[in-house]
Protein backbone atom coordinates (compact mmCIF):
# COMPACT_ATOMS: atom_id res chain seq x y z
CA MET A 1 -41.32 -32.77 -3.41
CA ARG A 2 -41.63 -31.50 -6.82
CA ILE A 3 -40.97 -32.80 -10.31
CA TYR A 4 -40.39 -30.85 -13.65
CA LEU A 5 -41.25 -32.73 -16.65
CA ILE A 6 -39.14 -31.35 -19.59
CA ARG A 7 -39.78 -31.98 -23.10
CA HIS A 8 -36.82 -32.80 -25.21
CA GLY A 9 -35.56 -29.89 -27.32
CA ARG A 10 -36.04 -29.93 -30.78
CA GLN A 11 -34.41 -32.68 -32.78
CA CYS A 12 -33.03 -33.06 -36.03
CA SER A 13 -35.38 -34.71 -38.39
CA ARG A 14 -38.97 -34.36 -38.28
CA LEU A 15 -39.36 -37.91 -39.24
CA CYS A 16 -42.30 -39.84 -37.05
CA ASN A 17 -40.27 -40.23 -33.27
CA VAL A 18 -36.97 -41.65 -35.02
CA ASN A 19 -34.54 -41.88 -32.50
CA VAL A 20 -32.15 -38.85 -33.48
CA ALA A 21 -29.92 -36.15 -31.66
CA LEU A 22 -30.74 -32.58 -31.15
CA CYS A 23 -30.51 -30.10 -33.81
CA GLU A 24 -28.45 -26.48 -32.90
CA LYS A 25 -31.63 -25.11 -31.82
CA GLY A 26 -32.59 -27.95 -29.81
CA TYR A 27 -29.13 -27.48 -27.79
CA THR A 28 -29.83 -23.58 -27.48
CA GLN A 29 -33.46 -24.54 -25.70
CA ALA A 30 -31.82 -27.17 -22.96
CA ALA A 31 -29.02 -24.58 -22.15
CA LEU A 32 -31.97 -22.37 -21.44
CA VAL A 33 -34.14 -24.12 -19.67
CA GLY A 34 -30.94 -25.18 -17.33
CA LYS A 35 -30.58 -21.91 -16.75
CA ARG A 36 -34.10 -21.59 -15.81
CA LEU A 37 -34.01 -23.99 -13.44
CA ILE A 38 -30.97 -23.12 -11.40
CA PRO A 39 -32.67 -21.24 -8.62
CA ALA A 40 -34.84 -24.40 -8.57
CA LYS A 41 -32.31 -26.71 -6.97
CA ILE A 42 -32.73 -29.58 -8.84
CA GLN A 43 -30.78 -32.75 -6.79
CA ALA A 44 -31.53 -35.21 -9.80
CA VAL A 45 -31.89 -35.64 -13.34
CA TYR A 46 -34.13 -38.24 -15.05
CA SER A 47 -34.61 -39.24 -18.34
CA SER A 48 -35.83 -41.32 -20.94
CA ASP A 49 -32.67 -43.61 -23.18
CA LEU A 50 -33.73 -41.97 -26.11
CA LEU A 51 -30.85 -39.66 -27.59
CA ARG A 52 -33.02 -36.33 -28.00
CA ALA A 53 -33.78 -36.50 -24.06
CA LEU A 54 -30.37 -38.08 -23.27
CA GLU A 55 -28.69 -35.07 -24.68
CA THR A 56 -31.50 -32.55 -23.53
CA ALA A 57 -30.73 -33.83 -20.37
CA GLN A 58 -27.12 -33.85 -20.82
CA ALA A 59 -26.76 -29.99 -21.93
CA ALA A 60 -29.15 -28.87 -19.08
CA ASN A 61 -27.73 -30.90 -16.40
CA ARG A 62 -24.35 -28.54 -16.98
CA TYR A 63 -26.20 -26.04 -15.00
CA TRP A 64 -27.48 -28.41 -12.34
CA LYS A 65 -24.23 -30.99 -12.02
CA VAL A 66 -26.29 -33.64 -10.53
CA GLU A 67 -27.03 -37.39 -11.09
CA HIS A 68 -28.48 -38.77 -13.82
CA PHE A 69 -30.74 -41.47 -14.15
CA ILE A 70 -31.61 -43.16 -17.08
CA ARG A 71 -35.14 -45.10 -17.70
CA THR A 72 -36.54 -46.72 -20.62
CA GLU A 73 -39.70 -46.61 -19.38
CA LEU A 74 -40.27 -42.58 -19.49
CA ARG A 75 -39.33 -43.26 -23.70
CA GLU A 76 -42.10 -41.29 -25.78
CA ILE A 77 -45.64 -43.04 -26.34
CA SER A 78 -45.18 -45.90 -29.30
CA PHE A 79 -46.53 -44.67 -32.36
CA GLY A 80 -46.20 -47.98 -33.92
CA ALA A 81 -46.17 -48.62 -37.67
CA MET A 82 -45.86 -44.83 -38.14
CA GLU A 83 -42.75 -44.11 -36.98
CA GLY A 84 -40.17 -43.18 -39.35
CA LEU A 85 -43.09 -41.68 -41.22
CA SER A 86 -43.59 -38.18 -42.39
CA GLU A 87 -46.63 -35.95 -41.37
CA ALA A 88 -47.79 -36.15 -45.26
CA GLU A 89 -47.29 -40.25 -45.18
CA ILE A 90 -49.06 -40.70 -41.82
CA SER A 91 -52.04 -38.17 -43.28
CA PHE A 92 -52.52 -40.61 -46.58
CA ARG A 93 -51.91 -44.41 -45.02
CA TYR A 94 -53.64 -43.78 -41.33
CA LYS A 95 -56.31 -40.99 -42.64
CA ASP A 96 -59.41 -42.89 -41.35
CA PHE A 97 -57.30 -43.75 -38.04
CA LYS A 98 -56.59 -39.73 -37.62
CA ILE A 99 -60.50 -39.02 -37.68
CA ARG A 100 -61.15 -41.44 -35.19
CA GLN A 101 -58.22 -40.19 -32.75
CA ASP A 102 -59.82 -36.59 -33.15
CA ARG A 103 -62.89 -37.46 -31.93
CA MET A 104 -61.70 -38.53 -28.42
CA GLU A 105 -64.00 -41.30 -27.57
CA GLU A 106 -61.81 -44.13 -26.54
CA ASP A 107 -58.07 -44.29 -25.36
CA LEU A 108 -57.10 -45.27 -28.95
CA PRO A 109 -53.56 -46.93 -29.44
CA TYR A 110 -51.61 -45.91 -32.44
CA PRO A 111 -52.01 -48.37 -34.58
CA GLU A 112 -49.24 -51.29 -33.39
CA GLY A 113 -48.62 -49.03 -31.15
CA GLU A 114 -49.47 -47.85 -27.74
CA CYS A 115 -52.49 -45.20 -26.01
CA ALA A 116 -52.35 -43.44 -22.99
CA ALA A 117 -52.95 -46.37 -20.66
CA ASP A 118 -49.90 -48.35 -21.63
CA VAL A 119 -47.67 -45.14 -21.36
CA ILE A 120 -48.79 -44.85 -17.39
CA ARG A 121 -48.50 -48.45 -16.94
CA ARG A 122 -44.70 -48.16 -17.68
CA ALA A 123 -44.15 -45.05 -16.25
CA GLU A 124 -45.94 -44.35 -13.32
CA PRO A 125 -43.54 -46.94 -11.43
CA VAL A 126 -40.53 -44.54 -12.30
CA PHE A 127 -42.86 -41.54 -10.71
CA GLN A 128 -43.48 -43.54 -7.46
CA GLU A 129 -39.25 -44.15 -7.61
CA MET A 130 -38.82 -40.78 -7.80
CA ALA A 131 -41.25 -39.45 -5.14
CA GLU A 132 -39.49 -41.78 -2.62
CA SER A 133 -36.25 -41.65 -3.49
CA GLY A 134 -35.41 -38.99 -0.69
CA TYR A 135 -34.96 -35.99 -3.39
CA GLU A 136 -36.87 -33.00 -3.01
CA ARG A 137 -36.78 -31.45 -6.18
CA ILE A 138 -35.63 -33.70 -9.54
CA ALA A 139 -36.10 -32.39 -13.22
CA VAL A 140 -37.18 -35.08 -15.65
CA VAL A 141 -36.72 -35.27 -19.27
CA THR A 142 -39.02 -36.99 -21.34
CA HIS A 143 -41.45 -36.77 -24.35
CA GLY A 144 -45.05 -34.79 -24.63
CA GLY A 145 -46.98 -38.41 -25.17
CA VAL A 146 -45.48 -39.22 -21.47
CA ILE A 147 -46.27 -35.56 -20.18
CA ARG A 148 -49.65 -35.31 -21.60
CA SER A 149 -50.69 -38.97 -20.19
CA MET A 150 -49.22 -38.53 -17.01
CA ALA A 151 -50.84 -35.19 -16.60
CA ALA A 152 -54.07 -36.41 -17.77
CA HIS A 153 -53.72 -39.07 -14.88
CA TYR A 154 -52.96 -37.63 -12.23
CA LEU A 155 -55.94 -34.82 -13.43
CA GLU A 156 -58.22 -38.05 -13.32
CA ILE A 157 -59.05 -36.43 -16.50
CA PRO A 158 -60.81 -39.64 -18.93
CA LEU A 159 -58.01 -41.12 -20.79
CA ASN A 160 -59.95 -40.75 -24.31
CA LYS A 161 -59.34 -37.18 -23.36
CA TRP A 162 -55.70 -36.67 -23.08
CA ARG A 163 -54.96 -35.27 -26.31
CA ILE A 164 -56.66 -32.09 -24.75
CA LEU A 165 -53.56 -31.36 -23.00
CA GLY A 166 -52.07 -28.97 -25.29
CA LYS A 167 -51.98 -30.10 -28.83
CA ASP A 168 -48.29 -29.23 -29.65
CA LEU A 169 -45.69 -28.98 -26.36
CA GLU A 170 -42.95 -26.41 -26.46
CA ASN A 171 -39.36 -28.18 -26.68
CA CYS A 172 -37.95 -27.71 -23.45
CA GLY A 173 -41.00 -26.51 -21.89
CA ILE A 174 -41.65 -27.17 -17.99
CA THR A 175 -44.72 -29.17 -16.53
CA GLU A 176 -44.51 -29.17 -13.10
CA LEU A 177 -45.97 -32.01 -10.08
CA LEU A 178 -46.27 -31.61 -6.47
CA TRP A 179 -46.30 -34.54 -4.38
CA ASN A 180 -48.75 -34.33 -1.80
CA GLU A 181 -47.71 -36.68 0.60
CA LYS A 182 -51.20 -37.38 2.24
CA LYS A 183 -52.82 -38.83 -0.88
CA LYS A 184 -49.84 -40.70 -2.15
CA SER A 185 -50.33 -38.54 -5.35
CA PHE A 186 -49.01 -35.56 -7.95
CA ILE A 187 -50.81 -32.48 -8.07
CA LEU A 188 -50.24 -30.70 -11.09
CA GLU A 189 -48.63 -27.32 -10.50
CA ARG A 190 -48.33 -25.80 -13.84
CA PHE A 191 -48.13 -27.10 -17.95
CA ASN A 192 -46.02 -26.11 -20.75
CA ASP A 193 -44.44 -23.29 -19.28
CA TYR A 194 -42.09 -21.58 -22.05
CA ALA A 195 -41.00 -18.27 -20.52
CA HIS A 196 -37.29 -19.21 -20.66
CA LEU A 197 -38.02 -19.24 -24.96
CA GLU A 198 -40.25 -16.50 -25.59
CA SER A 199 -37.72 -13.46 -26.13
CA HIS A 200 -36.22 -16.26 -28.71
CA PRO A 201 -39.16 -16.59 -30.98
CA GLU A 202 -37.03 -18.36 -33.35
CA LEU A 203 -37.16 -21.35 -30.88
CA LEU A 204 -41.09 -21.67 -30.68
CA ARG A 205 -42.83 -24.11 -32.34
CA ASN A 206 -44.83 -21.37 -34.57
CA ALA A 207 -41.67 -20.47 -35.85
CA TRP A 208 -41.19 -23.60 -37.59
CA ALA A 209 -43.93 -26.02 -37.56
CA GLU A 210 -45.99 -24.32 -40.17
CA THR A 211 -43.33 -23.76 -42.49
CA GLU A 212 -42.24 -27.04 -42.50
CA GLY A 213 -45.67 -28.70 -42.87
CA TRP A 214 -45.55 -30.40 -39.65
CA GLU A 215 -48.09 -31.19 -37.27
CA SER A 216 -48.13 -32.74 -33.84
CA VAL A 217 -49.17 -36.67 -34.32
């Protein structure tokens, strides 16, 4: 069976991990990924309960019309004390943490938040649920921290290095996992595929991230 991990569409706030709706471009991204995966014949869609993932799943599912399962375990990694702050505030208040994080010497939890191992512990049972569901093709709308953590886990990359997997994942990019029944684990088939967005450069991160002074935390 195959799982198509989709990072949610662009949201309407640039504050850290706030639970807000998609912006107009986010809905466009969701429609494009929905159309892109029509040939995959998606049989079910899972999403986190955070609004940006929920709305992305609902918008994409207009093209698949399948059952939608909501799992809180698929929420974004907790940024703890950073949540609700701007990038400028984070850079000022948590300068020392960011320096330690960039060294990638340990699976460092965000201040009062989670590390990659925490995400894997809560999310992996849902991945096992999907593997045993009887479905052959599932779309999963989740978050960058979840996608990168789970990809590192299945690639058996040391978790202190999980952040080497894509500095910034594109909104509504696709990461595909193939279930290996013999090994009872997933194989990474593709990572951060955003070919469906390339004819719309205004939807890509490089069209807005620098001008808005935003970098991924």
